[in-house]
Amino acid sequence: MVRLSRGVVVMAMVIIVAAIQVCSHQAAAGVSWGEPCSDEAKTKIEGCMKEETVDNIDKCCSILHSVIDDSCPCWVHAKLTDRALAILYFIYCDIAHPLCSSAQPI
């Protein structure tokens, strides 16, 4: 069994954490918190979350993609509207979570 010194393990952990921080920062740079979720977008999100038929849900997928894909505030609004239903829609519609910093305002 190889025995690593404490210094080597700590240094490896520091490098891994630094790499994660750099990658997270670069990926989130393209998503803006600057603009809030518009009233129109909120209405679209809330309307889609009320749909019950597969055909209507399928139509809503493109609408949700257009308002949520790169909007952290709209993503948050959808989850605040109905968290469990939003998660189901995100999975069904294959909507990826925008890379948002939790330190940014909603």
PDB file of N, CA and C in Angstrom:
ATOM      1  N   MET A   1       0.848  -1.171   0.000  1.00  0.00           N
ATOM      2  CA  MET A   1       0.000   0.000   0.000  1.00  0.00           C
ATOM      3  C   MET A   1       0.896   1.237   0.000  1.00  0.00           C
ATOM      4  N   VAL A   2       0.574   2.174  -0.860  1.00  0.00           N
ATOM      5  CA  VAL A   2       1.358   3.397  -0.964  1.00  0.00           C
ATOM      6  C   VAL A   2       0.896   4.365   0.105  1.00  0.00           C
ATOM      7  N   ARG A   3       1.858   4.949   0.760  1.00  0.00           N
ATOM      8  CA  ARG A   3       1.532   5.901   1.820  1.00  0.00           C
ATOM      9  C   ARG A   3       1.892   7.294   1.323  1.00  0.00           C
ATOM     10  N   LEU A   4       0.899   8.155   1.221  1.00  0.00           N
ATOM     11  CA  LEU A   4       1.121   9.511   0.760  1.00  0.00           C
ATOM     12  C   LEU A   4       1.305  10.445   1.950  1.00  0.00           C
ATOM     13  N   SER A   5       2.183  11.386   1.779  1.00  0.00           N
ATOM     14  CA  SER A   5       2.371  12.346   2.858  1.00  0.00           C
ATOM     15  C   SER A   5       1.176  13.285   2.904  1.00  0.00           C
ATOM     16  N   ARG A   6       0.931  13.843   4.041  1.00  0.00           N
ATOM     17  CA  ARG A   6      -0.181  14.750   4.246  1.00  0.00           C
ATOM     18  C   ARG A   6      -0.068  15.962   3.309  1.00  0.00           C
ATOM     19  N   GLY A   7       1.112  16.451   3.090  1.00  0.00           N
ATOM     20  CA  GLY A   7       1.334  17.606   2.223  1.00  0.00           C
ATOM     21  C   GLY A   7       0.920  17.341   0.788  1.00  0.00           C
ATOM     22  N   VAL A   8       1.219  16.141   0.272  1.00  0.00           N
ATOM     23  CA  VAL A   8       0.849  15.790  -1.094  1.00  0.00           C
ATOM     24  C   VAL A   8      -0.668  15.723  -1.233  1.00  0.00           C
ATOM     25  N   VAL A   9      -1.325  15.137  -0.265  1.00  0.00           N
ATOM     26  CA  VAL A   9      -2.789  15.026  -0.298  1.00  0.00           C
ATOM     27  C   VAL A   9      -3.426  16.410  -0.239  1.00  0.00           C
ATOM     28  N   VAL A  10      -2.946  17.263   0.650  1.00  0.00           N
ATOM     29  CA  VAL A  10      -3.495  18.619   0.769  1.00  0.00           C
ATOM     30  C   VAL A  10      -3.262  19.396  -0.521  1.00  0.00           C
ATOM     31  N   MET A  11      -2.094  19.293  -1.097  1.00  0.00           N
ATOM     32  CA  MET A  11      -1.787  20.009  -2.338  1.00  0.00           C
ATOM     33  C   MET A  11      -2.699  19.529  -3.473  1.00  0.00           C
ATOM     34  N   ALA A  12      -2.930  18.227  -3.563  1.00  0.00           N
ATOM     35  CA  ALA A  12      -3.817  17.688  -4.593  1.00  0.00           C
ATOM     36  C   ALA A  12      -5.236  18.217  -4.413  1.00  0.00           C
ATOM     37  N   MET A  13      -5.700  18.296  -3.178  1.00  0.00           N
ATOM     38  CA  MET A  13      -7.037  18.809  -2.908  1.00  0.00           C
ATOM     39  C   MET A  13      -7.140  20.281  -3.282  1.00  0.00           C
ATOM     40  N   VAL A  14      -6.115  21.059  -2.995  1.00  0.00           N
ATOM     41  CA  VAL A  14      -6.106  22.483  -3.342  1.00  0.00           C
ATOM     42  C   VAL A  14      -6.178  22.656  -4.855  1.00  0.00           C
ATOM     43  N   ILE A  15      -5.428  21.858  -5.578  1.00  0.00           N
ATOM     44  CA  ILE A  15      -5.433  21.942  -7.046  1.00  0.00           C
ATOM     45  C   ILE A  15      -6.804  21.570  -7.609  1.00  0.00           C
ATOM     46  N   ILE A  16      -7.418  20.535  -7.081  1.00  0.00           N
ATOM     47  CA  ILE A  16      -8.736  20.111  -7.549  1.00  0.00           C
ATOM     48  C   ILE A  16      -9.777  21.189  -7.282  1.00  0.00           C
ATOM     49  N   VAL A  17      -9.775  21.752  -6.085  1.00  0.00           N
ATOM     50  CA  VAL A  17     -10.732  22.808  -5.739  1.00  0.00           C
ATOM     51  C   VAL A  17     -10.516  24.027  -6.632  1.00  0.00           C
ATOM     52  N   ALA A  18      -9.264  24.406  -6.868  1.00  0.00           N
ATOM     53  CA  ALA A  18      -8.968  25.555  -7.729  1.00  0.00           C
ATOM     54  C   ALA A  18      -9.464  25.302  -9.151  1.00  0.00           C
ATOM     55  N   ALA A  19      -9.268  24.096  -9.654  1.00  0.00           N
ATOM     56  CA  ALA A  19      -9.720  23.767 -11.008  1.00  0.00           C
ATOM     57  C   ALA A  19     -11.245  23.843 -11.108  1.00  0.00           C
ATOM     58  N   ILE A  20     -11.932  23.360 -10.101  1.00  0.00           N
ATOM     59  CA  ILE A  20     -13.395  23.428 -10.087  1.00  0.00           C
ATOM     60  C   ILE A  20     -13.857  24.881 -10.073  1.00  0.00           C
ATOM     61  N   GLN A  21     -13.218  25.707  -9.272  1.00  0.00           N
ATOM     62  CA  GLN A  21     -13.585  27.123  -9.201  1.00  0.00           C
ATOM     63  C   GLN A  21     -13.376  27.818 -10.544  1.00  0.00           C
ATOM     64  N   VAL A  22     -12.267  27.562 -11.183  1.00  0.00           N
ATOM     65  CA  VAL A  22     -11.972  28.196 -12.471  1.00  0.00           C
ATOM     66  C   VAL A  22     -12.983  27.750 -13.517  1.00  0.00           C
ATOM     67  N   CYS A  23     -13.258  26.453 -13.584  1.00  0.00           N
ATOM     68  CA  CYS A  23     -14.218  25.945 -14.573  1.00  0.00           C
ATOM     69  C   CYS A  23     -15.616  26.469 -14.305  1.00  0.00           C
ATOM     70  N   SER A  24     -16.038  26.532 -13.065  1.00  0.00           N
ATOM     71  CA  SER A  24     -17.367  27.042 -12.725  1.00  0.00           C
ATOM     72  C   SER A  24     -17.497  28.496 -13.118  1.00  0.00           C
ATOM     73  N   HIS A  25     -16.474  29.276 -12.865  1.00  0.00           N
ATOM     74  CA  HIS A  25     -16.524  30.696 -13.187  1.00  0.00           C
ATOM     75  C   HIS A  25     -16.611  30.905 -14.693  1.00  0.00           C
ATOM     76  N   GLN A  26     -15.850  30.157 -15.458  1.00  0.00           N
ATOM     77  CA  GLN A  26     -15.860  30.310 -16.912  1.00  0.00           C
ATOM     78  C   GLN A  26     -17.192  29.870 -17.496  1.00  0.00           C
ATOM     79  N   ALA A  27     -17.767  28.811 -16.990  1.00  0.00           N
ATOM     80  CA  ALA A  27     -19.033  28.317 -17.525  1.00  0.00           C
ATOM     81  C   ALA A  27     -20.179  29.262 -17.201  1.00  0.00           C
ATOM     82  N   ALA A  28     -20.167  29.860 -16.023  1.00  0.00           N
ATOM     83  CA  ALA A  28     -21.262  30.736 -15.612  1.00  0.00           C
ATOM     84  C   ALA A  28     -21.149  32.124 -16.209  1.00  0.00           C
ATOM     85  N   ALA A  29     -20.047  32.425 -16.836  1.00  0.00           N
ATOM     86  CA  ALA A  29     -19.847  33.772 -17.366  1.00  0.00           C
ATOM     87  C   ALA A  29     -20.857  34.124 -18.444  1.00  0.00           C
ATOM     88  N   GLY A  30     -21.401  33.161 -19.171  1.00  0.00           N
ATOM     89  CA  GLY A  30     -22.333  33.450 -20.247  1.00  0.00           C
ATOM     90  C   GLY A  30     -23.770  33.614 -19.796  1.00  0.00           C
ATOM     91  N   VAL A  31     -24.098  33.298 -18.551  1.00  0.00           N
ATOM     92  CA  VAL A  31     -25.459  33.387 -18.051  1.00  0.00           C
ATOM     93  C   VAL A  31     -25.580  34.614 -17.177  1.00  0.00           C
ATOM     94  N   SER A  32     -26.569  35.429 -17.473  1.00  0.00           N
ATOM     95  CA  SER A  32     -26.689  36.708 -16.781  1.00  0.00           C
ATOM     96  C   SER A  32     -27.801  36.713 -15.745  1.00  0.00           C
ATOM     97  N   TRP A  33     -27.506  37.288 -14.601  1.00  0.00           N
ATOM     98  CA  TRP A  33     -28.519  37.562 -13.590  1.00  0.00           C
ATOM     99  C   TRP A  33     -29.046  38.974 -13.777  1.00  0.00           C
ATOM    100  N   GLY A  34     -28.400  39.749 -14.667  1.00  0.00           N
ATOM    101  CA  GLY A  34     -28.704  41.165 -14.810  1.00  0.00           C
ATOM    102  C   GLY A  34     -30.155  41.485 -15.096  1.00  0.00           C
ATOM    103  N   GLU A  35     -30.818  40.709 -15.952  1.00  0.00           N
ATOM    104  CA  GLU A  35     -32.198  40.991 -16.303  1.00  0.00           C
ATOM    105  C   GLU A  35     -33.123  40.063 -15.535  1.00  0.00           C
ATOM    106  N   PRO A  36     -34.127  40.626 -14.857  1.00  0.00           N
ATOM    107  CA  PRO A  36     -35.066  39.767 -14.134  1.00  0.00           C
ATOM    108  C   PRO A  36     -35.965  39.010 -15.101  1.00  0.00           C
ATOM    109  N   CYS A  37     -36.640  38.021 -14.603  1.00  0.00           N
ATOM    110  CA  CYS A  37     -37.595  37.262 -15.414  1.00  0.00           C
ATOM    111  C   CYS A  37     -38.779  38.188 -15.703  1.00  0.00           C
ATOM    112  N   SER A  38     -39.042  38.420 -16.960  1.00  0.00           N
ATOM    113  CA  SER A  38     -40.107  39.359 -17.339  1.00  0.00           C
ATOM    114  C   SER A  38     -41.482  38.817 -16.945  1.00  0.00           C
ATOM    115  N   ASP A  39     -42.439  39.725 -16.849  1.00  0.00           N
ATOM    116  CA  ASP A  39     -43.810  39.314 -16.537  1.00  0.00           C
ATOM    117  C   ASP A  39     -44.354  38.381 -17.621  1.00  0.00           C
ATOM    118  N   GLU A  40     -43.992  38.662 -18.873  1.00  0.00           N
ATOM    119  CA  GLU A  40     -44.426  37.817 -19.981  1.00  0.00           C
ATOM    120  C   GLU A  40     -43.871  36.399 -19.826  1.00  0.00           C
ATOM    121  N   ALA A  41     -42.588  36.298 -19.477  1.00  0.00           N
ATOM    122  CA  ALA A  41     -41.967  34.986 -19.284  1.00  0.00           C
ATOM    123  C   ALA A  41     -42.598  34.263 -18.097  1.00  0.00           C
ATOM    124  N   LYS A  42     -42.864  34.997 -17.018  1.00  0.00           N
ATOM    125  CA  LYS A  42     -43.509  34.382 -15.846  1.00  0.00           C
ATOM    126  C   LYS A  42     -44.881  33.827 -16.212  1.00  0.00           C
ATOM    127  N   THR A  43     -45.636  34.589 -17.002  1.00  0.00           N
ATOM    128  CA  THR A  43     -46.961  34.142 -17.430  1.00  0.00           C
ATOM    129  C   THR A  43     -46.858  32.877 -18.268  1.00  0.00           C
ATOM    130  N   LYS A  44     -45.881  32.822 -19.160  1.00  0.00           N
ATOM    131  CA  LYS A  44     -45.678  31.628 -19.988  1.00  0.00           C
ATOM    132  C   LYS A  44     -45.332  30.422 -19.122  1.00  0.00           C
ATOM    133  N   ILE A  45     -44.440  30.632 -18.160  1.00  0.00           N
ATOM    134  CA  ILE A  45     -44.031  29.536 -17.264  1.00  0.00           C
ATOM    135  C   ILE A  45     -45.236  29.023 -16.484  1.00  0.00           C
ATOM    136  N   GLU A  46     -45.974  29.935 -15.885  1.00  0.00           N
ATOM    137  CA  GLU A  46     -47.134  29.542 -15.065  1.00  0.00           C
ATOM    138  C   GLU A  46     -48.208  28.869 -15.907  1.00  0.00           C
ATOM    139  N   GLY A  47     -48.431  29.360 -17.138  1.00  0.00           N
ATOM    140  CA  GLY A  47     -49.414  28.739 -18.032  1.00  0.00           C
ATOM    141  C   GLY A  47     -49.022  27.321 -18.404  1.00  0.00           C
ATOM    142  N   CYS A  48     -47.754  27.135 -18.704  1.00  0.00           N
ATOM    143  CA  CYS A  48     -47.287  25.798 -19.076  1.00  0.00           C
ATOM    144  C   CYS A  48     -47.369  24.824 -17.916  1.00  0.00           C
ATOM    145  N   MET A  49     -47.131  25.295 -16.720  1.00  0.00           N
ATOM    146  CA  MET A  49     -47.143  24.412 -15.552  1.00  0.00           C
ATOM    147  C   MET A  49     -48.556  23.908 -15.241  1.00  0.00           C
ATOM    148  N   LYS A  50     -49.565  24.506 -15.863  1.00  0.00           N
ATOM    149  CA  LYS A  50     -50.951  24.077 -15.638  1.00  0.00           C
ATOM    150  C   LYS A  50     -51.413  23.058 -16.664  1.00  0.00           C
ATOM    151  N   GLU A  51     -50.623  22.819 -17.700  1.00  0.00           N
ATOM    152  CA  GLU A  51     -51.014  21.895 -18.764  1.00  0.00           C
ATOM    153  C   GLU A  51     -51.004  20.460 -18.251  1.00  0.00           C
ATOM    154  N   GLU A  52     -51.978  19.681 -18.737  1.00  0.00           N
ATOM    155  CA  GLU A  52     -52.097  18.309 -18.264  1.00  0.00           C
ATOM    156  C   GLU A  52     -52.022  17.263 -19.363  1.00  0.00           C
ATOM    157  N   THR A  53     -52.236  17.657 -20.611  1.00  0.00           N
ATOM    158  CA  THR A  53     -52.187  16.660 -21.691  1.00  0.00           C
ATOM    159  C   THR A  53     -50.788  16.614 -22.289  1.00  0.00           C
ATOM    160  N   VAL A  54     -50.416  15.460 -22.793  1.00  0.00           N
ATOM    161  CA  VAL A  54     -49.075  15.269 -23.346  1.00  0.00           C
ATOM    162  C   VAL A  54     -48.837  16.215 -24.517  1.00  0.00           C
ATOM    163  N   ASP A  55     -49.847  16.397 -25.381  1.00  0.00           N
ATOM    164  CA  ASP A  55     -49.679  17.297 -26.524  1.00  0.00           C
ATOM    165  C   ASP A  55     -49.374  18.719 -26.071  1.00  0.00           C
ATOM    166  N   ASN A  56     -50.107  19.196 -25.081  1.00  0.00           N
ATOM    167  CA  ASN A  56     -49.878  20.556 -24.586  1.00  0.00           C
ATOM    168  C   ASN A  56     -48.549  20.675 -23.857  1.00  0.00           C
ATOM    169  N   ILE A  57     -48.185  19.626 -23.135  1.00  0.00           N
ATOM    170  CA  ILE A  57     -46.892  19.636 -22.437  1.00  0.00           C
ATOM    171  C   ILE A  57     -45.761  19.666 -23.462  1.00  0.00           C
ATOM    172  N   ASP A  58     -45.907  18.892 -24.545  1.00  0.00           N
ATOM    173  CA  ASP A  58     -44.893  18.901 -25.601  1.00  0.00           C
ATOM    174  C   ASP A  58     -44.738  20.296 -26.200  1.00  0.00           C
ATOM    175  N   LYS A  59     -45.858  20.992 -26.427  1.00  0.00           N
ATOM    176  CA  LYS A  59     -45.806  22.357 -26.951  1.00  0.00           C
ATOM    177  C   LYS A  59     -45.114  23.293 -25.963  1.00  0.00           C
ATOM    178  N   CYS A  60     -45.334  23.048 -24.688  1.00  0.00           N
ATOM    179  CA  CYS A  60     -44.740  23.900 -23.659  1.00  0.00           C
ATOM    180  C   CYS A  60     -43.226  23.728 -23.558  1.00  0.00           C
ATOM    181  N   CYS A  61     -42.717  22.587 -23.959  1.00  0.00           N
ATOM    182  CA  CYS A  61     -41.276  22.364 -23.859  1.00  0.00           C
ATOM    183  C   CYS A  61     -40.501  23.440 -24.613  1.00  0.00           C
ATOM    184  N   SER A  62     -40.933  23.759 -25.827  1.00  0.00           N
ATOM    185  CA  SER A  62     -40.217  24.786 -26.592  1.00  0.00           C
ATOM    186  C   SER A  62     -40.375  26.157 -25.945  1.00  0.00           C
ATOM    187  N   ILE A  63     -41.537  26.418 -25.377  1.00  0.00           N
ATOM    188  CA  ILE A  63     -41.756  27.696 -24.687  1.00  0.00           C
ATOM    189  C   ILE A  63     -40.858  27.788 -23.459  1.00  0.00           C
ATOM    190  N   LEU A  64     -40.837  26.723 -22.672  1.00  0.00           N
ATOM    191  CA  LEU A  64     -39.998  26.734 -21.468  1.00  0.00           C
ATOM    192  C   LEU A  64     -38.522  26.858 -21.826  1.00  0.00           C
ATOM    193  N   HIS A  65     -38.100  26.172 -22.888  1.00  0.00           N
ATOM    194  CA  HIS A  65     -36.702  26.311 -23.328  1.00  0.00           C
ATOM    195  C   HIS A  65     -36.390  27.767 -23.656  1.00  0.00           C
ATOM    196  N   SER A  66     -37.303  28.415 -24.344  1.00  0.00           N
ATOM    197  CA  SER A  66     -37.029  29.795 -24.776  1.00  0.00           C
ATOM    198  C   SER A  66     -36.933  30.773 -23.615  1.00  0.00           C
ATOM    199  N   VAL A  67     -37.664  30.525 -22.538  1.00  0.00           N
ATOM    200  CA  VAL A  67     -37.629  31.483 -21.419  1.00  0.00           C
ATOM    201  C   VAL A  67     -36.698  31.076 -20.285  1.00  0.00           C
ATOM    202  N   ILE A  68     -36.352  29.794 -20.196  1.00  0.00           N
ATOM    203  CA  ILE A  68     -35.570  29.333 -19.044  1.00  0.00           C
ATOM    204  C   ILE A  68     -34.115  29.039 -19.371  1.00  0.00           C
ATOM    205  N   ASP A  69     -33.807  28.566 -20.577  1.00  0.00           N
ATOM    206  CA  ASP A  69     -32.472  28.046 -20.882  1.00  0.00           C
ATOM    207  C   ASP A  69     -31.314  28.894 -20.366  1.00  0.00           C
ATOM    208  N   ASP A  70     -31.323  30.191 -20.594  1.00  0.00           N
ATOM    209  CA  ASP A  70     -30.204  31.032 -20.157  1.00  0.00           C
ATOM    210  C   ASP A  70     -30.625  32.094 -19.154  1.00  0.00           C
ATOM    211  N   SER A  71     -31.699  31.868 -18.435  1.00  0.00           N
ATOM    212  CA  SER A  71     -32.194  32.863 -17.489  1.00  0.00           C
ATOM    213  C   SER A  71     -32.284  32.284 -16.083  1.00  0.00           C
ATOM    214  N   CYS A  72     -31.348  32.675 -15.255  1.00  0.00           N
ATOM    215  CA  CYS A  72     -31.366  32.204 -13.871  1.00  0.00           C
ATOM    216  C   CYS A  72     -32.629  32.669 -13.140  1.00  0.00           C
ATOM    217  N   PRO A  73     -33.042  33.945 -13.283  1.00  0.00           N
ATOM    218  CA  PRO A  73     -34.261  34.379 -12.589  1.00  0.00           C
ATOM    219  C   PRO A  73     -35.506  33.602 -13.040  1.00  0.00           C
ATOM    220  N   CYS A  74     -35.614  33.268 -14.324  1.00  0.00           N
ATOM    221  CA  CYS A  74     -36.780  32.508 -14.794  1.00  0.00           C
ATOM    222  C   CYS A  74     -36.724  31.063 -14.308  1.00  0.00           C
ATOM    223  N   TRP A  75     -35.530  30.502 -14.217  1.00  0.00           N
ATOM    224  CA  TRP A  75     -35.363  29.155 -13.656  1.00  0.00           C
ATOM    225  C   TRP A  75     -35.867  29.148 -12.218  1.00  0.00           C
ATOM    226  N   VAL A  76     -35.449  30.142 -11.459  1.00  0.00           N
ATOM    227  CA  VAL A  76     -35.866  30.240 -10.054  1.00  0.00           C
ATOM    228  C   VAL A  76     -37.380  30.437  -9.976  1.00  0.00           C
ATOM    229  N   HIS A  77     -37.934  31.288 -10.826  1.00  0.00           N
ATOM    230  CA  HIS A  77     -39.384  31.521 -10.811  1.00  0.00           C
ATOM    231  C   HIS A  77     -40.147  30.223 -11.069  1.00  0.00           C
ATOM    232  N   ALA A  78     -39.699  29.436 -12.032  1.00  0.00           N
ATOM    233  CA  ALA A  78     -40.363  28.164 -12.324  1.00  0.00           C
ATOM    234  C   ALA A  78     -40.342  27.254 -11.105  1.00  0.00           C
ATOM    235  N   LYS A  79     -39.214  27.210 -10.424  1.00  0.00           N
ATOM    236  CA  LYS A  79     -39.114  26.336  -9.247  1.00  0.00           C
ATOM    237  C   LYS A  79     -39.945  26.873  -8.086  1.00  0.00           C
ATOM    238  N   LEU A  80     -40.065  28.192  -7.980  1.00  0.00           N
ATOM    239  CA  LEU A  80     -40.891  28.768  -6.913  1.00  0.00           C
ATOM    240  C   LEU A  80     -42.380  28.594  -7.203  1.00  0.00           C
ATOM    241  N   THR A  81     -42.746  28.537  -8.476  1.00  0.00           N
ATOM    242  CA  THR A  81     -44.148  28.344  -8.857  1.00  0.00           C
ATOM    243  C   THR A  81     -44.650  26.994  -8.355  1.00  0.00           C
ATOM    244  N   ASP A  82     -43.905  25.947  -8.624  1.00  0.00           N
ATOM    245  CA  ASP A  82     -44.243  24.603  -8.153  1.00  0.00           C
ATOM    246  C   ASP A  82     -43.003  23.743  -8.317  1.00  0.00           C
ATOM    247  N   ARG A  83     -42.242  23.604  -7.257  1.00  0.00           N
ATOM    248  CA  ARG A  83     -40.940  22.941  -7.322  1.00  0.00           C
ATOM    249  C   ARG A  83     -41.021  21.532  -7.904  1.00  0.00           C
ATOM    250  N   ALA A  84     -41.928  20.712  -7.379  1.00  0.00           N
ATOM    251  CA  ALA A  84     -42.015  19.317  -7.826  1.00  0.00           C
ATOM    252  C   ALA A  84     -42.424  19.242  -9.302  1.00  0.00           C
ATOM    253  N   LEU A  85     -43.399  20.049  -9.694  1.00  0.00           N
ATOM    254  CA  LEU A  85     -43.843  20.047 -11.082  1.00  0.00           C
ATOM    255  C   LEU A  85     -42.763  20.604 -11.998  1.00  0.00           C
ATOM    256  N   ALA A  86     -42.065  21.646 -11.550  1.00  0.00           N
ATOM    257  CA  ALA A  86     -40.986  22.225 -12.358  1.00  0.00           C
ATOM    258  C   ALA A  86     -39.909  21.182 -12.627  1.00  0.00           C
ATOM    259  N   ILE A  87     -39.530  20.433 -11.625  1.00  0.00           N
ATOM    260  CA  ILE A  87     -38.506  19.406 -11.794  1.00  0.00           C
ATOM    261  C   ILE A  87     -38.962  18.353 -12.805  1.00  0.00           C
ATOM    262  N   LEU A  88     -40.233  17.955 -12.743  1.00  0.00           N
ATOM    263  CA  LEU A  88     -40.760  16.992 -13.720  1.00  0.00           C
ATOM    264  C   LEU A  88     -40.720  17.568 -15.133  1.00  0.00           C
ATOM    265  N   TYR A  89     -41.109  18.830 -15.284  1.00  0.00           N
ATOM    266  CA  TYR A  89     -41.054  19.469 -16.602  1.00  0.00           C
ATOM    267  C   TYR A  89     -39.614  19.557 -17.107  1.00  0.00           C
ATOM    268  N   PHE A  90     -38.698  19.931 -16.221  1.00  0.00           N
ATOM    269  CA  PHE A  90     -37.297  20.062 -16.626  1.00  0.00           C
ATOM    270  C   PHE A  90     -36.767  18.725 -17.124  1.00  0.00           C
ATOM    271  N   ILE A  91     -37.141  17.656 -16.460  1.00  0.00           N
ATOM    272  CA  ILE A  91     -36.687  16.326 -16.873  1.00  0.00           C
ATOM    273  C   ILE A  91     -37.354  15.935 -18.187  1.00  0.00           C
ATOM    274  N   TYR A  92     -38.673  16.076 -18.264  1.00  0.00           N
ATOM    275  CA  TYR A  92     -39.416  15.687 -19.461  1.00  0.00           C
ATOM    276  C   TYR A  92     -38.964  16.481 -20.691  1.00  0.00           C
ATOM    277  N   CYS A  93     -38.771  17.792 -20.502  1.00  0.00           N
ATOM    278  CA  CYS A  93     -38.405  18.671 -21.618  1.00  0.00           C
ATOM    279  C   CYS A  93     -36.897  18.746 -21.837  1.00  0.00           C
ATOM    280  N   ASP A  94     -36.147  18.059 -21.020  1.00  0.00           N
ATOM    281  CA  ASP A  94     -34.684  18.062 -21.113  1.00  0.00           C
ATOM    282  C   ASP A  94     -34.122  19.481 -21.026  1.00  0.00           C
ATOM    283  N   ILE A  95     -34.557  20.183 -19.988  1.00  0.00           N
ATOM    284  CA  ILE A  95     -34.093  21.542 -19.744  1.00  0.00           C
ATOM    285  C   ILE A  95     -32.976  21.466 -18.708  1.00  0.00           C
ATOM    286  N   ALA A  96     -31.803  21.903 -19.111  1.00  0.00           N
ATOM    287  CA  ALA A  96     -30.646  21.874 -18.223  1.00  0.00           C
ATOM    288  C   ALA A  96     -30.648  23.107 -17.334  1.00  0.00           C
ATOM    289  N   HIS A  97     -30.180  22.938 -16.122  1.00  0.00           N
ATOM    290  CA  HIS A  97     -30.073  24.054 -15.183  1.00  0.00           C
ATOM    291  C   HIS A  97     -29.038  25.042 -15.684  1.00  0.00           C
ATOM    292  N   PRO A  98     -29.432  26.328 -15.838  1.00  0.00           N
ATOM    293  CA  PRO A  98     -28.405  27.305 -16.217  1.00  0.00           C
ATOM    294  C   PRO A  98     -27.359  27.390 -15.104  1.00  0.00           C
ATOM    295  N   LEU A  99     -26.115  27.567 -15.468  1.00  0.00           N
ATOM    296  CA  LEU A  99     -25.055  27.629 -14.478  1.00  0.00           C
ATOM    297  C   LEU A  99     -25.063  29.010 -13.827  1.00  0.00           C
ATOM    298  N   CYS A 100     -25.749  29.098 -12.699  1.00  0.00           N
ATOM    299  CA  CYS A 100     -25.917  30.370 -12.008  1.00  0.00           C
ATOM    300  C   CYS A 100     -25.154  30.337 -10.697  1.00  0.00           C
ATOM    301  N   SER A 101     -24.574  31.440 -10.370  1.00  0.00           N
ATOM    302  CA  SER A 101     -23.900  31.566  -9.085  1.00  0.00           C
ATOM    303  C   SER A 101     -24.953  31.810  -8.017  1.00  0.00           C
ATOM    304  N   SER A 102     -24.894  31.060  -6.947  1.00  0.00           N
ATOM    305  CA  SER A 102     -25.886  31.227  -5.875  1.00  0.00           C
ATOM    306  C   SER A 102     -25.691  32.558  -5.151  1.00  0.00           C
ATOM    307  N   ALA A 103     -24.568  33.227  -5.370  1.00  0.00           N
ATOM    308  CA  ALA A 103     -24.312  34.506  -4.714  1.00  0.00           C
ATOM    309  C   ALA A 103     -24.998  35.667  -5.433  1.00  0.00           C
ATOM    310  N   GLN A 104     -25.520  35.424  -6.640  1.00  0.00           N
ATOM    311  CA  GLN A 104     -26.152  36.493  -7.401  1.00  0.00           C
ATOM    312  C   GLN A 104     -27.590  36.694  -6.944  1.00  0.00           C
ATOM    313  N   PRO A 105     -28.112  37.913  -7.105  1.00  0.00           N
ATOM    314  CA  PRO A 105     -29.480  38.198  -6.667  1.00  0.00           C
ATOM    315  C   PRO A 105     -30.511  37.581  -7.586  1.00  0.00           C
ATOM    316  N   ILE A 106     -31.691  37.349  -7.042  1.00  0.00           N
ATOM    317  CA  ILE A 106     -32.810  36.825  -7.822  1.00  0.00           C
ATOM    318  C   ILE A 106     -33.606  37.999  -8.219  1.00  0.00           C
TER     319      ILE A 106
END
